[in-house]
Amino acid sequence: MIKSGYDWASGQAYTDRVVPSFVYPSDAKGAAWAHESPYLPPGWEEGSPVGANSLKHMAMRKTLLDQRPLTAAHFASVPWELANYLWDCLGRCGKRTLYMWKIFATAYPREFREIATLHSLKTPSKKIPLRDYFQLVKSPSLSWGTVVTIFTDHADLAGLVDVSKVTNIVALDIRSPPPPPPSRSKSKPIGAEDGPPIVRLTDRVVRSWGELALTGGAFKHLRTLTLRFQNETTPQIFAYLDHFPSLEVFIAVGCSLFTVVNAGILAKRYGWEVFEDDGKKTKITKKSVHELYTDHISDTTTVPDSERSMVTSLPLLEFSLGTPETRQPRGQIAVWFYRPLRDTNAGMPSRKRTAEPDPQKLPTIKKQRSKPVIKKSNKNVDMAGLLTEFQR
């Protein structure tokens, strides 16, 4: 709502624009503040050693004192120069939160990506339900791309299926703890484990992803998928991954059913290719999914697709839940599958794709159509015969 007014004391005309926002009662913070604080540090730049603060400085403190009521709509009429000043102030006080990063990425899609191309939210422990994390990092308007790393000791199978709700996800890494060394496994009975059983990705979860990709548009922008120590997944998942229209890279690290021996056979059977070791990917097991994604899009020649180019240029939000292993087991087998960019029929399996009709053959087909047969009238039929025909 816009309201115009006049200040009789100063003689200035003004316009008020009321933007509705949700105000938390008392000290309630909500899921957005489970790991960060929305308040300015106490006493930060509150006074000035040379006199009173400027009106600009006081307005800045008033705006950033509590980030919770702010929305992207509040910055609809704010010029980028002033918003950039606020972002610099947030950097000085150490309050560049995920909440404010999302607001600026939405309100200033072109300008903000030039100064803040990446924001990271890495938490070793889960403080809110997994679905709330996915709600925080998704962007239905595609204002940013999300890179997700999930350690399965912080998730269940239903939570893994809910990854599909992050509609702007561009890279996904599912990790499980590596198996214990042989010396340790021999000293323990079969089936004995420390703590609760570890959840691992299954073919059923990937099949659910594929069905959601076909029916609900999930994983529309996913470019890279990495599975680490997922020994319950089988090569059958290739049939489900074919429903991911933008997926180009699939990396299996330490997965017992994806080995260097059968990689070539699987790639040929399901329409993929296997990357040969060219010296660049020898350390892929130690790279994060964000590094794998950025390396891939920098090495790949972009096809003339405006949507893919737009997604590639988006700022990235890196979300990681869990603690990586401090020691990586030796002799990890990493298999890197690659699938070239496909056309608009990429969402359909190759065996179901329909060929477009050849325009040059359309006239020929038209000529072969039979002409309508006109039934000749019988002039010798009398009036009684005509009445009989009508009564039939």
Protein backbone atom coordinates (compact mmCIF):
# COMPACT_ATOMS: atom_id res chain seq x y z
CA MET A 1 0.00 0.00 0.00
CA ILE A 2 1.36 3.44 -1.01
CA LYS A 3 0.46 6.56 0.97
CA SER A 4 1.46 10.14 0.13
CA GLY A 5 1.89 12.80 2.80
CA TYR A 6 3.27 16.23 3.62
CA ASP A 7 5.46 17.23 6.56
CA TRP A 8 4.41 20.73 7.67
CA ALA A 9 7.46 21.15 9.90
CA SER A 10 10.03 20.62 7.13
CA GLY A 11 7.91 21.46 4.11
CA GLN A 12 8.75 18.16 2.41
CA ALA A 13 6.38 15.86 0.58
CA TYR A 14 6.89 12.14 1.05
CA THR A 15 5.52 8.77 0.02
CA ASP A 16 5.15 5.83 2.39
CA ARG A 17 5.08 2.31 1.00
CA VAL A 18 3.77 -0.26 3.45
CA VAL A 19 5.23 -3.74 2.94
CA PRO A 20 3.65 -6.54 5.01
CA SER A 21 6.08 -8.79 6.85
CA PHE A 22 5.92 -11.44 9.52
CA VAL A 23 7.03 -10.25 12.95
CA TYR A 24 8.11 -12.96 15.37
CA PRO A 25 6.64 -12.65 18.86
CA SER A 26 9.13 -11.98 21.70
CA ASP A 27 12.39 -13.88 21.06
CA ALA A 28 11.04 -16.56 18.71
CA LYS A 29 13.42 -16.93 15.78
CA GLY A 30 12.10 -19.66 13.53
CA ALA A 31 13.98 -22.13 11.36
CA ALA A 32 15.92 -19.42 9.51
CA TRP A 33 17.82 -18.55 12.68
CA ALA A 34 18.69 -21.98 14.00
CA HIS A 35 22.38 -21.40 13.25
CA GLU A 36 22.63 -17.60 12.99
CA SER A 37 21.50 -14.52 14.90
CA PRO A 38 19.38 -11.82 13.25
CA TYR A 39 20.57 -9.02 15.53
CA LEU A 40 23.40 -6.54 15.18
CA PRO A 41 26.24 -6.99 17.70
CA PRO A 42 25.50 -4.97 20.85
CA GLY A 43 26.93 -1.48 20.60
CA TRP A 44 28.25 -1.90 17.05
CA GLU A 45 28.95 1.57 15.62
CA GLU A 46 26.33 2.97 17.93
CA GLY A 47 28.14 6.23 18.59
CA SER A 48 30.58 8.46 16.73
CA PRO A 49 33.89 9.80 18.11
CA VAL A 50 33.51 13.07 16.18
CA GLY A 51 29.92 13.93 17.01
CA ALA A 52 26.50 12.72 16.02
CA ASN A 53 26.10 10.00 13.42
CA SER A 54 24.73 10.89 10.02
CA LEU A 55 21.11 10.27 9.17
CA LYS A 56 22.28 7.62 6.69
CA HIS A 57 24.19 5.78 9.40
CA MET A 58 21.29 5.91 11.84
CA ALA A 59 18.88 4.66 9.16
CA MET A 60 21.29 1.81 8.41
CA ARG A 61 21.39 0.74 12.06
CA LYS A 62 17.62 0.95 12.32
CA THR A 63 17.21 -1.21 9.21
CA LEU A 64 19.74 -3.88 10.18
CA LEU A 65 19.07 -3.92 13.92
CA ASP A 66 16.74 -6.91 13.48
CA GLN A 67 16.81 -8.77 10.15
CA ARG A 68 13.72 -10.87 10.79
CA PRO A 69 11.03 -8.45 9.48
CA LEU A 70 12.93 -7.70 6.26
CA THR A 71 11.80 -9.17 2.93
CA ALA A 72 12.82 -8.73 -0.69
CA ALA A 73 9.78 -6.49 -1.19
CA HIS A 74 11.29 -3.92 1.18
CA PHE A 75 14.11 -3.36 -1.33
CA ALA A 76 11.91 -3.08 -4.42
CA SER A 77 12.39 0.71 -4.55
CA VAL A 78 15.84 0.86 -2.96
CA PRO A 79 18.63 1.64 -5.46
CA TRP A 80 21.48 -0.83 -5.70
CA GLU A 81 24.05 1.72 -4.48
CA LEU A 82 22.26 1.97 -1.15
CA ALA A 83 21.72 -1.79 -0.92
CA ASN A 84 25.42 -2.34 -1.63
CA TYR A 85 26.21 0.00 1.26
CA LEU A 86 24.03 -2.10 3.57
CA TRP A 87 25.75 -5.29 2.41
CA ASP A 88 29.14 -3.72 3.19
CA CYS A 89 27.90 -2.82 6.67
CA LEU A 90 26.77 -6.40 7.22
CA GLY A 91 30.25 -7.53 6.27
CA ARG A 92 31.89 -5.16 8.75
CA CYS A 93 29.78 -6.43 11.63
CA GLY A 94 29.94 -10.10 10.58
CA LYS A 95 26.20 -10.44 9.97
CA ARG A 96 26.02 -11.53 6.34
CA THR A 97 23.48 -14.18 7.15
CA LEU A 98 21.87 -16.66 4.79
CA TYR A 99 18.61 -14.77 5.26
CA MET A 100 20.03 -11.47 3.99
CA TRP A 101 21.98 -13.18 1.20
CA LYS A 102 18.74 -14.67 -0.12
CA ILE A 103 16.96 -11.31 0.06
CA PHE A 104 19.68 -9.52 -1.89
CA ALA A 105 19.97 -12.35 -4.43
CA THR A 106 16.22 -12.05 -5.07
CA ALA A 107 15.95 -8.26 -5.09
CA TYR A 108 19.10 -7.58 -7.16
CA PRO A 109 19.60 -10.62 -9.44
CA ARG A 110 22.14 -8.98 -11.77
CA GLU A 111 24.10 -6.69 -9.48
CA PHE A 112 24.40 -8.97 -6.45
CA ARG A 113 25.87 -11.93 -8.33
CA GLU A 114 28.86 -9.76 -9.22
CA ILE A 115 29.93 -9.36 -5.58
CA ALA A 116 28.52 -12.44 -3.81
CA THR A 117 28.61 -15.46 -6.11
CA LEU A 118 28.74 -18.01 -3.27
CA HIS A 119 27.27 -18.38 0.20
CA SER A 120 27.89 -21.42 2.41
CA LEU A 121 25.80 -22.93 5.16
CA LYS A 122 27.73 -25.86 6.60
CA THR A 123 26.46 -27.36 9.81
CA PRO A 124 27.96 -30.46 11.46
CA SER A 125 24.78 -31.25 13.40
CA LYS A 126 21.07 -31.11 12.68
CA LYS A 127 19.12 -28.55 14.75
CA ILE A 128 15.88 -28.51 12.76
CA PRO A 129 14.08 -31.16 10.67
CA LEU A 130 15.64 -31.94 7.32
CA ARG A 131 12.59 -30.68 5.43
CA ASP A 132 13.06 -27.26 7.09
CA TYR A 133 16.63 -27.12 5.81
CA PHE A 134 15.38 -27.86 2.30
CA GLN A 135 12.78 -25.12 2.70
CA LEU A 136 15.55 -22.65 3.59
CA VAL A 137 17.81 -23.36 0.63
CA LYS A 138 15.27 -23.70 -2.19
CA SER A 139 14.28 -20.89 -4.55
CA PRO A 140 11.10 -21.38 -6.60
CA SER A 141 11.92 -18.21 -8.55
CA LEU A 142 15.39 -19.58 -9.40
CA SER A 143 17.20 -16.62 -7.85
CA TRP A 144 20.13 -18.87 -6.97
CA GLY A 145 21.33 -22.42 -7.52
CA THR A 146 21.68 -24.77 -4.56
CA VAL A 147 24.49 -27.27 -4.03
CA VAL A 148 23.52 -29.91 -1.45
CA THR A 149 25.72 -32.33 0.51
CA ILE A 150 23.89 -34.73 2.82
CA PHE A 151 25.60 -37.15 5.20
CA THR A 152 23.18 -40.02 5.63
CA ASP A 153 23.82 -40.37 9.36
CA HIS A 154 21.70 -37.20 9.68
CA ALA A 155 18.90 -38.35 7.35
CA ASP A 156 16.36 -41.09 6.83
CA LEU A 157 14.95 -42.47 3.58
CA ALA A 158 11.99 -40.07 3.66
CA GLY A 159 14.40 -37.17 4.10
CA LEU A 160 16.44 -38.32 1.11
CA VAL A 161 13.29 -38.38 -1.00
CA ASP A 162 12.50 -34.82 0.13
CA VAL A 163 15.66 -33.59 -1.60
CA SER A 164 13.46 -33.46 -4.70
CA LYS A 165 11.63 -30.47 -3.19
CA VAL A 166 14.70 -28.28 -3.71
CA THR A 167 13.63 -27.27 -7.21
CA ASN A 168 16.71 -25.13 -7.83
CA ILE A 169 19.26 -27.82 -6.95
CA VAL A 170 22.18 -27.96 -9.40
CA ALA A 171 24.51 -30.44 -7.67
CA LEU A 172 23.90 -33.21 -5.14
CA ASP A 173 26.30 -35.26 -3.03
CA ILE A 174 25.00 -38.15 -0.91
CA ARG A 175 27.62 -39.45 1.54
CA SER A 176 27.75 -42.33 3.95
CA PRO A 177 30.60 -43.30 6.27
CA PRO A 178 33.19 -45.53 4.58
CA PRO A 179 33.23 -49.18 5.64
CA PRO A 180 35.60 -50.07 8.49
CA PRO A 181 39.04 -51.43 7.62
CA PRO A 182 39.32 -55.22 7.24
CA SER A 183 41.23 -55.66 10.49
CA ARG A 184 38.43 -54.04 12.45
CA SER A 185 35.62 -55.83 10.65
CA LYS A 186 37.13 -59.24 11.42
CA SER A 187 37.23 -58.53 15.14
CA LYS A 188 33.49 -57.87 15.29
CA PRO A 189 30.59 -60.23 14.71
CA ILE A 190 28.70 -59.97 11.46
CA GLY A 191 26.00 -57.34 11.71
CA ALA A 192 27.51 -55.65 14.75
CA GLU A 193 27.73 -51.87 14.43
CA ASP A 194 28.63 -48.92 16.59
CA GLY A 195 25.51 -46.89 17.29
CA PRO A 196 22.36 -46.86 15.17
CA PRO A 197 22.42 -48.37 11.67
CA ILE A 198 23.59 -46.08 8.90
CA VAL A 199 21.00 -45.09 6.29
CA ARG A 200 22.20 -45.58 2.73
CA LEU A 201 20.68 -44.60 -0.57
CA THR A 202 18.63 -47.31 -2.27
CA ASP A 203 17.25 -47.91 -5.75
CA ARG A 204 13.75 -47.18 -4.44
CA VAL A 205 14.75 -43.65 -3.44
CA VAL A 206 16.32 -42.98 -6.84
CA ARG A 207 13.23 -44.42 -8.52
CA SER A 208 11.08 -42.00 -6.50
CA TRP A 209 13.34 -39.19 -7.68
CA GLY A 210 12.86 -40.27 -11.27
CA GLU A 211 9.07 -40.41 -10.92
CA LEU A 212 9.02 -36.95 -9.34
CA ALA A 213 11.23 -35.66 -12.14
CA LEU A 214 8.73 -36.92 -14.71
CA THR A 215 5.53 -35.84 -12.98
CA GLY A 216 6.51 -32.87 -10.82
CA GLY A 217 9.50 -31.30 -12.54
CA ALA A 218 11.95 -32.22 -9.78
CA PHE A 219 15.70 -32.13 -10.47
CA LYS A 220 15.10 -30.06 -13.58
CA HIS A 221 18.40 -28.21 -13.19
CA LEU A 222 20.56 -30.92 -11.58
CA ARG A 223 23.89 -31.12 -13.42
CA THR A 224 26.10 -33.33 -11.23
CA LEU A 225 25.28 -36.23 -8.90
CA THR A 226 27.86 -37.80 -6.58
CA LEU A 227 27.29 -40.93 -4.50
CA ARG A 228 29.88 -41.91 -1.91
CA PHE A 229 29.91 -45.36 -0.31
CA GLN A 230 26.35 -46.16 -1.35
CA ASN A 231 26.66 -49.93 -1.58
CA GLU A 232 22.90 -50.54 -1.79
CA THR A 233 22.49 -48.78 -5.13
CA THR A 234 22.73 -50.87 -8.28
CA PRO A 235 23.24 -50.03 -11.98
CA GLN A 236 19.44 -50.04 -12.28
CA ILE A 237 19.50 -46.38 -11.19
CA PHE A 238 20.73 -45.43 -14.67
CA ALA A 239 17.19 -46.05 -15.93
CA TYR A 240 15.86 -43.57 -13.37
CA LEU A 241 18.61 -41.00 -13.93
CA ASP A 242 17.53 -40.83 -17.57
CA HIS A 243 14.53 -38.81 -16.37
CA PHE A 244 16.79 -35.99 -15.13
CA PRO A 245 16.85 -33.62 -18.13
CA SER A 246 20.01 -31.64 -17.22
CA LEU A 247 22.12 -34.34 -15.56
CA GLU A 248 25.51 -34.63 -17.22
CA VAL A 249 27.90 -36.06 -14.61
CA PHE A 250 27.40 -39.02 -12.28
CA ILE A 251 30.27 -39.91 -9.94
CA ALA A 252 30.33 -43.08 -7.85
CA VAL A 253 32.97 -43.10 -5.11
CA GLY A 254 33.54 -46.27 -3.14
CA CYS A 255 30.32 -47.88 -4.44
CA SER A 256 30.86 -51.62 -4.67
CA LEU A 257 28.64 -52.14 -7.75
CA PHE A 258 30.23 -49.33 -9.78
CA THR A 259 33.83 -50.27 -10.51
CA VAL A 260 36.45 -49.51 -13.10
CA VAL A 261 35.98 -53.03 -14.48
CA ASN A 262 32.27 -52.71 -15.31
CA ALA A 263 32.19 -48.93 -15.92
CA GLY A 264 32.63 -49.26 -19.67
CA ILE A 265 29.94 -51.92 -19.95
CA LEU A 266 27.46 -49.87 -17.92
CA ALA A 267 28.19 -46.70 -19.86
CA LYS A 268 27.61 -48.40 -23.20
CA ARG A 269 24.44 -50.11 -22.04
CA TYR A 270 22.76 -46.99 -20.64
CA GLY A 271 24.02 -44.37 -23.08
CA TRP A 272 26.74 -42.77 -20.97
CA GLU A 273 30.48 -42.28 -21.37
CA VAL A 274 33.35 -42.88 -18.96
CA PHE A 275 35.88 -40.17 -18.29
CA GLU A 276 39.45 -41.25 -18.80
CA ASP A 277 41.95 -40.12 -16.18
CA ASP A 278 43.55 -37.01 -17.66
CA GLY A 279 45.35 -35.90 -14.53
CA LYS A 280 42.67 -33.40 -13.51
CA LYS A 281 40.32 -35.79 -11.76
CA THR A 282 42.79 -37.87 -9.77
CA LYS A 283 41.75 -36.10 -6.56
CA ILE A 284 38.00 -36.03 -7.09
CA THR A 285 37.44 -38.12 -3.95
CA LYS A 286 38.74 -35.22 -1.84
CA LYS A 287 36.79 -32.49 -3.63
CA SER A 288 33.52 -31.08 -2.42
CA VAL A 289 30.44 -31.22 -4.62
CA HIS A 290 30.72 -27.46 -5.15
CA GLU A 291 34.27 -27.88 -6.50
CA LEU A 292 33.14 -30.72 -8.75
CA TYR A 293 30.26 -28.64 -10.08
CA THR A 294 32.33 -25.53 -10.77
CA ASP A 295 35.08 -27.62 -12.38
CA HIS A 296 32.54 -29.27 -14.65
CA ILE A 297 30.78 -26.12 -15.86
CA SER A 298 34.16 -24.47 -16.49
CA ASP A 299 35.37 -27.42 -18.59
CA THR A 300 32.11 -27.87 -20.51
CA THR A 301 31.28 -25.95 -23.64
CA THR A 302 27.87 -24.40 -23.14
CA VAL A 303 25.31 -25.32 -25.76
CA PRO A 304 23.08 -22.58 -27.19
CA ASP A 305 20.43 -23.03 -24.53
CA SER A 306 19.32 -19.82 -22.82
CA GLU A 307 17.89 -21.60 -19.77
CA ARG A 308 21.00 -23.68 -19.12
CA SER A 309 23.21 -20.61 -19.58
CA MET A 310 21.08 -18.68 -17.13
CA VAL A 311 21.26 -21.41 -14.50
CA THR A 312 25.03 -21.67 -14.89
CA SER A 313 25.43 -17.94 -14.20
CA LEU A 314 23.35 -18.00 -11.00
CA PRO A 315 24.94 -17.35 -7.60
CA LEU A 316 25.39 -20.56 -5.62
CA LEU A 317 24.20 -21.52 -2.16
CA GLU A 318 26.28 -24.36 -0.74
CA PHE A 319 24.47 -26.35 1.94
CA SER A 320 26.14 -29.18 3.84
CA LEU A 321 24.70 -31.20 6.71
CA GLY A 322 27.12 -33.47 8.56
CA THR A 323 30.81 -33.80 9.31
CA PRO A 324 33.16 -35.20 6.65
CA GLU A 325 35.52 -38.00 7.52
CA THR A 326 38.88 -36.77 8.78
CA ARG A 327 40.65 -39.74 7.22
CA GLN A 328 39.77 -41.01 3.80
CA PRO A 329 40.31 -44.75 3.30
CA ARG A 330 43.00 -45.72 0.86
CA GLY A 331 42.30 -47.28 -2.48
CA GLN A 332 38.97 -45.57 -3.08
CA ILE A 333 37.50 -46.39 -6.45
CA ALA A 334 35.95 -43.36 -8.14
CA VAL A 335 34.09 -43.88 -11.41
CA TRP A 336 33.16 -40.77 -13.40
CA PHE A 337 30.29 -41.15 -15.87
CA TYR A 338 29.48 -38.41 -18.35
CA ARG A 339 26.44 -37.83 -20.55
CA PRO A 340 26.51 -35.11 -23.25
CA LEU A 341 23.89 -32.40 -23.25
CA ARG A 342 20.64 -33.56 -24.78
CA ASP A 343 17.80 -31.91 -26.65
CA THR A 344 14.37 -30.95 -25.39
CA ASN A 345 13.27 -34.59 -25.44
CA ALA A 346 15.90 -35.35 -22.80
CA GLY A 347 13.33 -35.95 -20.09
CA MET A 348 12.19 -39.11 -21.90
CA PRO A 349 14.16 -42.33 -22.14
CA SER A 350 15.81 -42.89 -25.49
CA ARG A 351 13.64 -45.86 -26.28
CA LYS A 352 10.51 -43.72 -25.89
CA ARG A 353 11.60 -40.68 -27.83
CA THR A 354 9.57 -39.99 -30.91
CA ALA A 355 11.10 -38.72 -34.12
CA GLU A 356 9.88 -35.43 -35.48
CA PRO A 357 8.09 -35.67 -38.87
CA ASP A 358 10.09 -34.63 -41.92
CA PRO A 359 8.59 -31.41 -43.34
CA GLN A 360 9.65 -32.41 -46.87
CA LYS A 361 7.45 -35.49 -46.75
CA LEU A 362 4.31 -33.66 -45.68
CA PRO A 363 3.22 -32.71 -49.25
CA THR A 364 3.66 -36.32 -50.38
CA ILE A 365 1.51 -37.54 -47.56
CA LYS A 366 -1.10 -34.97 -48.43
CA LYS A 367 -1.28 -36.14 -52.04
CA GLN A 368 -1.84 -39.73 -51.00
CA ARG A 369 -4.97 -38.88 -49.07
CA SER A 370 -8.09 -40.27 -50.70
CA LYS A 371 -10.68 -37.85 -51.95
CA PRO A 372 -14.13 -37.94 -50.41
CA VAL A 373 -16.55 -40.10 -52.39
CA ILE A 374 -19.68 -38.30 -53.49
CA LYS A 375 -22.64 -40.58 -53.75
CA LYS A 376 -24.51 -40.08 -56.98
CA SER A 377 -28.19 -39.41 -56.62
CA ASN A 378 -30.69 -41.63 -58.39
CA LYS A 379 -32.90 -39.44 -60.53
CA ASN A 380 -35.43 -42.25 -61.06
CA VAL A 381 -36.40 -42.48 -57.41
CA ASP A 382 -40.02 -41.37 -56.97
CA MET A 383 -41.58 -39.48 -54.05
CA ALA A 384 -42.74 -42.67 -52.33
CA GLY A 385 -39.20 -44.00 -52.36
CA LEU A 386 -37.88 -40.80 -50.84
CA LEU A 387 -40.42 -40.95 -48.02
CA THR A 388 -39.45 -44.53 -47.38
CA GLU A 389 -35.80 -43.48 -47.09
CA PHE A 390 -36.67 -40.81 -44.50
CA GLN A 391 -38.64 -43.30 -42.40
CA ARG A 392 -35.69 -45.67 -42.03
